[in-house]
Amino acid sequence: MWLDNASDIDILFYDPYAELIFDIVNYDENNPLTIGIFGLWGAGKSTLLNLISKKIGEKGEKLYCIHINAWLYETYEDAKTSIIEALLNEMKKNQSIAEKIKDDISDMFKNVNYIKLGLKLLSNSIPFLQSVVENKAPEKVNGINYISNFKERFEKMVGKSDINNLIVLVDDLDRCTPEKIIESLEAIKLFLSVKRTTFIVAADEKVIEYAIQKKISSN
């Protein structure tokens, strides 16, 4: 009988895989990078993520690991920005990191609403939005520019934090509805190709394929 709980004990003998992935993320020239861990429910994907996290904590220098459970944001109206906020919150929790980038994190939080509007604009093909800038003067602000500049701002923030590699473990994506799976992937895409970042996504490949096919067929 398989329990629906991840284990910190390597009962599945996944340690060699965890060691290999650690070696990959610990090599600076490999990032930015995205790694997929695929398997059916009960195959031990979450356990493998835990083993990877443990190795990073024990052996990684200037490596910072964040866990994001996509399923926890299943009921949120906007999973995209919820995941972005969760990632920023996890960075904020680490005092040694947050102290160096406190102002940057605050600025990123302020821009989450712009990102939300920008993503909505992209979905609805609306080029501009009306907003109020810091000087309170009405101004046409291109919301899509907040999306395109997001990577640059986030990359600078990670650089200032003195992290060699920010490793984000994404679990339980395949438990979400097809709509939320796509939203989560869209959020993750904002961080892809950002220097000093690695995303490790654990999911059932067939479930992800179904979500993408459903999205394509509905358009």
C-alpha atoms as a PDB file:
ATOM      1  CA  MET A   1       0.000   0.000   0.000  1.00  0.00           C
ATOM      2  CA  TRP A   2       1.329   3.438  -0.971  1.00  0.00           C
ATOM      3  CA  LEU A   3       0.650   6.380   1.319  1.00  0.00           C
ATOM      4  CA  ASP A   4       0.076   9.786  -0.240  1.00  0.00           C
ATOM      5  CA  ASN A   5       2.984  11.312   1.662  1.00  0.00           C
ATOM      6  CA  ALA A   6       6.474  12.226   0.551  1.00  0.00           C
ATOM      7  CA  SER A   7       9.292  10.636   2.491  1.00  0.00           C
ATOM      8  CA  ASP A   8      12.652  11.954   3.651  1.00  0.00           C
ATOM      9  CA  ILE A   9      13.878   8.358   3.794  1.00  0.00           C
ATOM     10  CA  ASP A  10      15.128   6.859   0.555  1.00  0.00           C
ATOM     11  CA  ILE A  11      12.945   3.743   0.559  1.00  0.00           C
ATOM     12  CA  LEU A  12      12.811   3.871  -3.253  1.00  0.00           C
ATOM     13  CA  PHE A  13      16.604   4.048  -3.684  1.00  0.00           C
ATOM     14  CA  TYR A  14      16.419   7.398  -5.453  1.00  0.00           C
ATOM     15  CA  ASP A  15      19.594   8.766  -3.874  1.00  0.00           C
ATOM     16  CA  PRO A  16      21.729   8.321  -7.043  1.00  0.00           C
ATOM     17  CA  TYR A  17      19.188  10.395  -9.007  1.00  0.00           C
ATOM     18  CA  ALA A  18      19.123  13.065  -6.305  1.00  0.00           C
ATOM     19  CA  GLU A  19      22.933  13.127  -6.300  1.00  0.00           C
ATOM     20  CA  LEU A  20      23.036  13.502 -10.086  1.00  0.00           C
ATOM     21  CA  ILE A  21      20.546  16.364 -10.074  1.00  0.00           C
ATOM     22  CA  PHE A  22      22.453  18.056  -7.247  1.00  0.00           C
ATOM     23  CA  ASP A  23      25.664  17.855  -9.280  1.00  0.00           C
ATOM     24  CA  ILE A  24      23.864  19.418 -12.244  1.00  0.00           C
ATOM     25  CA  VAL A  25      22.388  22.362 -10.306  1.00  0.00           C
ATOM     26  CA  ASN A  26      25.645  22.884  -8.416  1.00  0.00           C
ATOM     27  CA  TYR A  27      27.531  23.537 -11.652  1.00  0.00           C
ATOM     28  CA  ASP A  28      27.251  27.261 -12.422  1.00  0.00           C
ATOM     29  CA  GLU A  29      27.483  26.903 -16.184  1.00  0.00           C
ATOM     30  CA  ASN A  30      24.333  24.760 -16.234  1.00  0.00           C
ATOM     31  CA  ASN A  31      21.947  27.514 -15.209  1.00  0.00           C
ATOM     32  CA  PRO A  32      19.506  28.879 -16.155  1.00  0.00           C
ATOM     33  CA  LEU A  33      17.940  25.451 -16.380  1.00  0.00           C
ATOM     34  CA  THR A  34      14.614  23.644 -16.186  1.00  0.00           C
ATOM     35  CA  ILE A  35      14.439  19.971 -15.178  1.00  0.00           C
ATOM     36  CA  GLY A  36      11.366  17.771 -15.483  1.00  0.00           C
ATOM     37  CA  ILE A  37      10.789  14.815 -13.157  1.00  0.00           C
ATOM     38  CA  PHE A  38       8.057  12.680 -14.677  1.00  0.00           C
ATOM     39  CA  GLY A  39       6.190   9.758 -13.203  1.00  0.00           C
ATOM     40  CA  LEU A  40       2.754   8.401 -12.375  1.00  0.00           C
ATOM     41  CA  TRP A  41       1.035   9.103  -9.073  1.00  0.00           C
ATOM     42  CA  GLY A  42       2.761   7.155  -6.314  1.00  0.00           C
ATOM     43  CA  ALA A  43       6.048   6.869  -8.186  1.00  0.00           C
ATOM     44  CA  GLY A  44       7.845   8.923  -5.538  1.00  0.00           C
ATOM     45  CA  LYS A  45       8.321  12.247  -7.309  1.00  0.00           C
ATOM     46  CA  SER A  46       7.819  14.235  -4.100  1.00  0.00           C
ATOM     47  CA  THR A  47      10.240  11.970  -2.249  1.00  0.00           C
ATOM     48  CA  LEU A  48      12.868  12.622  -4.909  1.00  0.00           C
ATOM     49  CA  LEU A  49      12.307  16.379  -4.561  1.00  0.00           C
ATOM     50  CA  ASN A  50      12.808  16.058  -0.803  1.00  0.00           C
ATOM     51  CA  LEU A  51      16.068  14.166  -1.333  1.00  0.00           C
ATOM     52  CA  ILE A  52      17.284  16.842  -3.748  1.00  0.00           C
ATOM     53  CA  SER A  53      16.383  19.571  -1.266  1.00  0.00           C
ATOM     54  CA  LYS A  54      18.191  17.732   1.520  1.00  0.00           C
ATOM     55  CA  LYS A  55      21.387  17.426  -0.534  1.00  0.00           C
ATOM     56  CA  ILE A  56      21.251  21.104  -1.450  1.00  0.00           C
ATOM     57  CA  GLY A  57      20.875  22.003   2.222  1.00  0.00           C
ATOM     58  CA  GLU A  58      23.756  19.762   3.281  1.00  0.00           C
ATOM     59  CA  LYS A  59      26.225  20.288   0.449  1.00  0.00           C
ATOM     60  CA  GLY A  60      25.269  23.325  -1.577  1.00  0.00           C
ATOM     61  CA  GLU A  61      27.198  26.555  -1.164  1.00  0.00           C
ATOM     62  CA  LYS A  62      25.319  29.683  -2.161  1.00  0.00           C
ATOM     63  CA  LEU A  63      22.464  27.490  -3.385  1.00  0.00           C
ATOM     64  CA  TYR A  64      18.992  28.386  -2.155  1.00  0.00           C
ATOM     65  CA  CYS A  65      16.090  25.970  -2.488  1.00  0.00           C
ATOM     66  CA  ILE A  66      12.395  26.929  -2.537  1.00  0.00           C
ATOM     67  CA  HIS A  67       9.426  24.537  -2.510  1.00  0.00           C
ATOM     68  CA  ILE A  68       6.263  25.507  -4.367  1.00  0.00           C
ATOM     69  CA  ASN A  69       3.229  23.209  -4.168  1.00  0.00           C
ATOM     70  CA  ALA A  70       1.124  24.196  -7.171  1.00  0.00           C
ATOM     71  CA  TRP A  71      -1.907  22.321  -5.829  1.00  0.00           C
ATOM     72  CA  LEU A  72      -2.136  24.685  -2.845  1.00  0.00           C
ATOM     73  CA  TYR A  73      -3.075  27.470  -5.272  1.00  0.00           C
ATOM     74  CA  GLU A  74      -5.693  25.397  -7.068  1.00  0.00           C
ATOM     75  CA  THR A  75      -8.580  27.381  -5.542  1.00  0.00           C
ATOM     76  CA  TYR A  76      -6.993  30.806  -6.074  1.00  0.00           C
ATOM     77  CA  GLU A  77      -8.630  32.978  -8.708  1.00  0.00           C
ATOM     78  CA  ASP A  78      -5.291  33.747 -10.326  1.00  0.00           C
ATOM     79  CA  ALA A  79      -2.798  30.913  -9.898  1.00  0.00           C
ATOM     80  CA  LYS A  80      -0.180  32.752 -11.945  1.00  0.00           C
ATOM     81  CA  THR A  81       0.379  35.667  -9.610  1.00  0.00           C
ATOM     82  CA  SER A  82      -0.257  33.506  -6.523  1.00  0.00           C
ATOM     83  CA  ILE A  83       2.755  31.374  -7.428  1.00  0.00           C
ATOM     84  CA  ILE A  84       4.865  34.473  -8.107  1.00  0.00           C
ATOM     85  CA  GLU A  85       3.914  35.879  -4.701  1.00  0.00           C
ATOM     86  CA  ALA A  86       4.638  32.538  -3.032  1.00  0.00           C
ATOM     87  CA  LEU A  87       8.134  32.492  -4.516  1.00  0.00           C
ATOM     88  CA  LEU A  88       8.824  36.055  -3.371  1.00  0.00           C
ATOM     89  CA  ASN A  89       7.465  35.253   0.088  1.00  0.00           C
ATOM     90  CA  GLU A  90       9.803  32.275   0.406  1.00  0.00           C
ATOM     91  CA  MET A  91      12.767  34.474  -0.490  1.00  0.00           C
ATOM     92  CA  LYS A  92      11.604  37.045   2.036  1.00  0.00           C
ATOM     93  CA  LYS A  93      11.582  34.412   4.799  1.00  0.00           C
ATOM     94  CA  ASN A  94      15.323  33.842   4.480  1.00  0.00           C
ATOM     95  CA  GLN A  95      16.818  36.623   6.602  1.00  0.00           C
ATOM     96  CA  SER A  96      20.327  36.488   5.113  1.00  0.00           C
ATOM     97  CA  ILE A  97      18.889  36.856   1.611  1.00  0.00           C
ATOM     98  CA  ALA A  98      16.066  39.261   2.441  1.00  0.00           C
ATOM     99  CA  GLU A  99      18.427  41.676   4.189  1.00  0.00           C
ATOM    100  CA  LYS A 100      20.363  42.221   0.953  1.00  0.00           C
ATOM    101  CA  ILE A 101      17.350  42.571  -1.326  1.00  0.00           C
ATOM    102  CA  LYS A 102      14.673  43.900   1.034  1.00  0.00           C
ATOM    103  CA  ASP A 103      13.831  46.915  -1.128  1.00  0.00           C
ATOM    104  CA  ASP A 104      13.927  44.836  -4.309  1.00  0.00           C
ATOM    105  CA  ILE A 105      11.470  42.283  -2.916  1.00  0.00           C
ATOM    106  CA  SER A 106       9.118  45.086  -1.851  1.00  0.00           C
ATOM    107  CA  ASP A 107       9.327  46.557  -5.339  1.00  0.00           C
ATOM    108  CA  MET A 108       8.610  43.179  -6.922  1.00  0.00           C
ATOM    109  CA  PHE A 109       5.544  42.754  -4.715  1.00  0.00           C
ATOM    110  CA  LYS A 110       4.287  46.166  -5.830  1.00  0.00           C
ATOM    111  CA  ASN A 111       4.680  45.102  -9.437  1.00  0.00           C
ATOM    112  CA  VAL A 112       2.732  41.863  -9.008  1.00  0.00           C
ATOM    113  CA  ASN A 113      -0.513  43.733  -9.716  1.00  0.00           C
ATOM    114  CA  TYR A 114       0.982  45.132 -12.910  1.00  0.00           C
ATOM    115  CA  ILE A 115       2.076  41.627 -13.859  1.00  0.00           C
ATOM    116  CA  LYS A 116      -1.455  40.384 -13.208  1.00  0.00           C
ATOM    117  CA  LEU A 117      -2.853  43.096 -15.470  1.00  0.00           C
ATOM    118  CA  GLY A 118      -0.202  42.438 -18.084  1.00  0.00           C
ATOM    119  CA  LEU A 119      -1.020  38.736 -18.188  1.00  0.00           C
ATOM    120  CA  LYS A 120      -4.697  39.595 -18.513  1.00  0.00           C
ATOM    121  CA  LEU A 121      -3.906  41.962 -21.365  1.00  0.00           C
ATOM    122  CA  LEU A 122      -1.938  39.263 -23.143  1.00  0.00           C
ATOM    123  CA  SER A 123      -4.886  36.905 -22.767  1.00  0.00           C
ATOM    124  CA  ASN A 124      -7.344  39.469 -24.122  1.00  0.00           C
ATOM    125  CA  SER A 125      -5.023  41.027 -26.724  1.00  0.00           C
ATOM    126  CA  ILE A 126      -5.473  44.519 -25.281  1.00  0.00           C
ATOM    127  CA  PRO A 127      -2.306  46.559 -25.844  1.00  0.00           C
ATOM    128  CA  PHE A 128      -2.570  49.186 -23.133  1.00  0.00           C
ATOM    129  CA  LEU A 129      -4.012  49.843 -19.688  1.00  0.00           C
ATOM    130  CA  GLN A 130      -4.786  53.042 -17.819  1.00  0.00           C
ATOM    131  CA  SER A 131      -2.903  53.359 -14.540  1.00  0.00           C
ATOM    132  CA  VAL A 132      -1.609  55.884 -12.045  1.00  0.00           C
ATOM    133  CA  VAL A 133       2.146  56.160 -11.658  1.00  0.00           C
ATOM    134  CA  GLU A 134       3.987  57.074  -8.465  1.00  0.00           C
ATOM    135  CA  ASN A 135       3.612  60.817  -9.015  1.00  0.00           C
ATOM    136  CA  LYS A 136      -0.169  60.275  -9.124  1.00  0.00           C
ATOM    137  CA  ALA A 137      -0.377  61.578 -12.684  1.00  0.00           C
ATOM    138  CA  PRO A 138      -2.533  59.519 -15.070  1.00  0.00           C
ATOM    139  CA  GLU A 139      -0.402  57.885 -17.710  1.00  0.00           C
ATOM    140  CA  LYS A 140      -0.751  55.221 -20.337  1.00  0.00           C
ATOM    141  CA  VAL A 141       1.253  52.280 -19.046  1.00  0.00           C
ATOM    142  CA  ASN A 142       1.995  49.336 -21.279  1.00  0.00           C
ATOM    143  CA  GLY A 143       1.179  46.365 -19.043  1.00  0.00           C
ATOM    144  CA  ILE A 144       2.859  43.966 -21.423  1.00  0.00           C
ATOM    145  CA  ASN A 145       6.166  45.770 -20.803  1.00  0.00           C
ATOM    146  CA  TYR A 146       5.923  44.749 -17.149  1.00  0.00           C
ATOM    147  CA  ILE A 147       5.909  41.159 -18.334  1.00  0.00           C
ATOM    148  CA  SER A 148       8.841  41.551 -20.690  1.00  0.00           C
ATOM    149  CA  ASN A 149      10.871  43.435 -18.060  1.00  0.00           C
ATOM    150  CA  PHE A 150      10.007  41.054 -15.240  1.00  0.00           C
ATOM    151  CA  LYS A 151      12.895  38.704 -15.980  1.00  0.00           C
ATOM    152  CA  GLU A 152      15.410  41.537 -15.998  1.00  0.00           C
ATOM    153  CA  ARG A 153      14.218  42.897 -12.635  1.00  0.00           C
ATOM    154  CA  PHE A 154      14.109  39.455 -11.055  1.00  0.00           C
ATOM    155  CA  GLU A 155      17.533  38.559 -12.429  1.00  0.00           C
ATOM    156  CA  LYS A 156      19.078  41.704 -10.948  1.00  0.00           C
ATOM    157  CA  MET A 157      17.483  40.937  -7.596  1.00  0.00           C
ATOM    158  CA  VAL A 158      18.892  37.396  -7.526  1.00  0.00           C
ATOM    159  CA  GLY A 159      22.321  38.763  -8.451  1.00  0.00           C
ATOM    160  CA  LYS A 160      22.270  41.211  -5.538  1.00  0.00           C
ATOM    161  CA  SER A 161      21.284  38.422  -3.141  1.00  0.00           C
ATOM    162  CA  ASP A 162      24.646  36.688  -3.678  1.00  0.00           C
ATOM    163  CA  ILE A 163      22.900  33.417  -4.624  1.00  0.00           C
ATOM    164  CA  ASN A 164      24.744  31.269  -7.138  1.00  0.00           C
ATOM    165  CA  ASN A 165      21.618  29.333  -8.016  1.00  0.00           C
ATOM    166  CA  LEU A 166      18.018  29.801  -6.890  1.00  0.00           C
ATOM    167  CA  ILE A 167      16.451  26.342  -7.174  1.00  0.00           C
ATOM    168  CA  VAL A 168      12.654  26.184  -7.246  1.00  0.00           C
ATOM    169  CA  LEU A 169      11.041  22.780  -6.698  1.00  0.00           C
ATOM    170  CA  VAL A 170       7.516  22.655  -8.127  1.00  0.00           C
ATOM    171  CA  ASP A 171       5.392  19.747  -6.917  1.00  0.00           C
ATOM    172  CA  ASP A 172       1.833  18.438  -7.394  1.00  0.00           C
ATOM    173  CA  LEU A 173       1.258  20.363 -10.630  1.00  0.00           C
ATOM    174  CA  ASP A 174      -0.546  17.329 -12.035  1.00  0.00           C
ATOM    175  CA  ARG A 175      -3.145  17.483  -9.228  1.00  0.00           C
ATOM    176  CA  CYS A 176      -4.471  20.787 -10.529  1.00  0.00           C
ATOM    177  CA  THR A 177      -7.278  21.231 -13.036  1.00  0.00           C
ATOM    178  CA  PRO A 178      -6.162  21.632 -16.667  1.00  0.00           C
ATOM    179  CA  GLU A 179      -6.877  25.370 -16.488  1.00  0.00           C
ATOM    180  CA  LYS A 180      -4.750  25.837 -13.359  1.00  0.00           C
ATOM    181  CA  ILE A 181      -1.957  23.689 -14.814  1.00  0.00           C
ATOM    182  CA  ILE A 182      -1.703  26.082 -17.757  1.00  0.00           C
ATOM    183  CA  GLU A 183      -1.800  29.117 -15.442  1.00  0.00           C
ATOM    184  CA  SER A 184       0.979  27.658 -13.308  1.00  0.00           C
ATOM    185  CA  LEU A 185       3.120  26.911 -16.363  1.00  0.00           C
ATOM    186  CA  GLU A 186       2.588  30.492 -17.555  1.00  0.00           C
ATOM    187  CA  ALA A 187       3.818  31.770 -14.180  1.00  0.00           C
ATOM    188  CA  ILE A 188       6.868  29.508 -14.275  1.00  0.00           C
ATOM    189  CA  LYS A 189       7.612  30.671 -17.816  1.00  0.00           C
ATOM    190  CA  LEU A 190       8.175  34.210 -16.504  1.00  0.00           C
ATOM    191  CA  PHE A 191      11.228  32.944 -14.614  1.00  0.00           C
ATOM    192  CA  LEU A 192      12.690  30.741 -17.320  1.00  0.00           C
ATOM    193  CA  SER A 193      16.028  31.799 -18.823  1.00  0.00           C
ATOM    194  CA  VAL A 194      16.718  34.011 -15.790  1.00  0.00           C
ATOM    195  CA  LYS A 195      20.378  33.708 -14.836  1.00  0.00           C
ATOM    196  CA  ARG A 196      21.147  31.855 -11.578  1.00  0.00           C
ATOM    197  CA  THR A 197      17.809  30.054 -11.501  1.00  0.00           C
ATOM    198  CA  THR A 198      16.810  26.421 -11.893  1.00  0.00           C
ATOM    199  CA  PHE A 199      13.265  25.065 -11.926  1.00  0.00           C
ATOM    200  CA  ILE A 200      12.657  21.405 -11.126  1.00  0.00           C
ATOM    201  CA  VAL A 201       9.079  20.445 -11.958  1.00  0.00           C
ATOM    202  CA  ALA A 202       7.665  17.092 -10.822  1.00  0.00           C
ATOM    203  CA  ALA A 203       4.500  15.922 -12.572  1.00  0.00           C
ATOM    204  CA  ASP A 204       2.710  13.181 -14.463  1.00  0.00           C
ATOM    205  CA  GLU A 205       3.653  13.931 -18.063  1.00  0.00           C
ATOM    206  CA  LYS A 206       0.373  12.563 -19.450  1.00  0.00           C
ATOM    207  CA  VAL A 207      -1.693  14.891 -17.256  1.00  0.00           C
ATOM    208  CA  ILE A 208       0.328  17.895 -18.426  1.00  0.00           C
ATOM    209  CA  GLU A 209      -0.028  16.849 -22.062  1.00  0.00           C
ATOM    210  CA  TYR A 210      -3.800  16.553 -21.616  1.00  0.00           C
ATOM    211  CA  ALA A 211      -4.009  20.056 -20.106  1.00  0.00           C
ATOM    212  CA  ILE A 212      -2.056  21.537 -23.021  1.00  0.00           C
ATOM    213  CA  GLN A 213      -4.132  19.673 -25.612  1.00  0.00           C
ATOM    214  CA  LYS A 214      -7.347  20.863 -23.954  1.00  0.00           C
ATOM    215  CA  LYS A 215      -6.083  24.440 -23.984  1.00  0.00           C
ATOM    216  CA  ILE A 216      -5.169  24.232 -27.668  1.00  0.00           C
ATOM    217  CA  SER A 217      -8.490  22.676 -28.657  1.00  0.00           C
ATOM    218  CA  SER A 218     -10.486  25.342 -26.796  1.00  0.00           C
ATOM    219  CA  ASN A 219      -8.808  28.211 -28.694  1.00  0.00           C
END
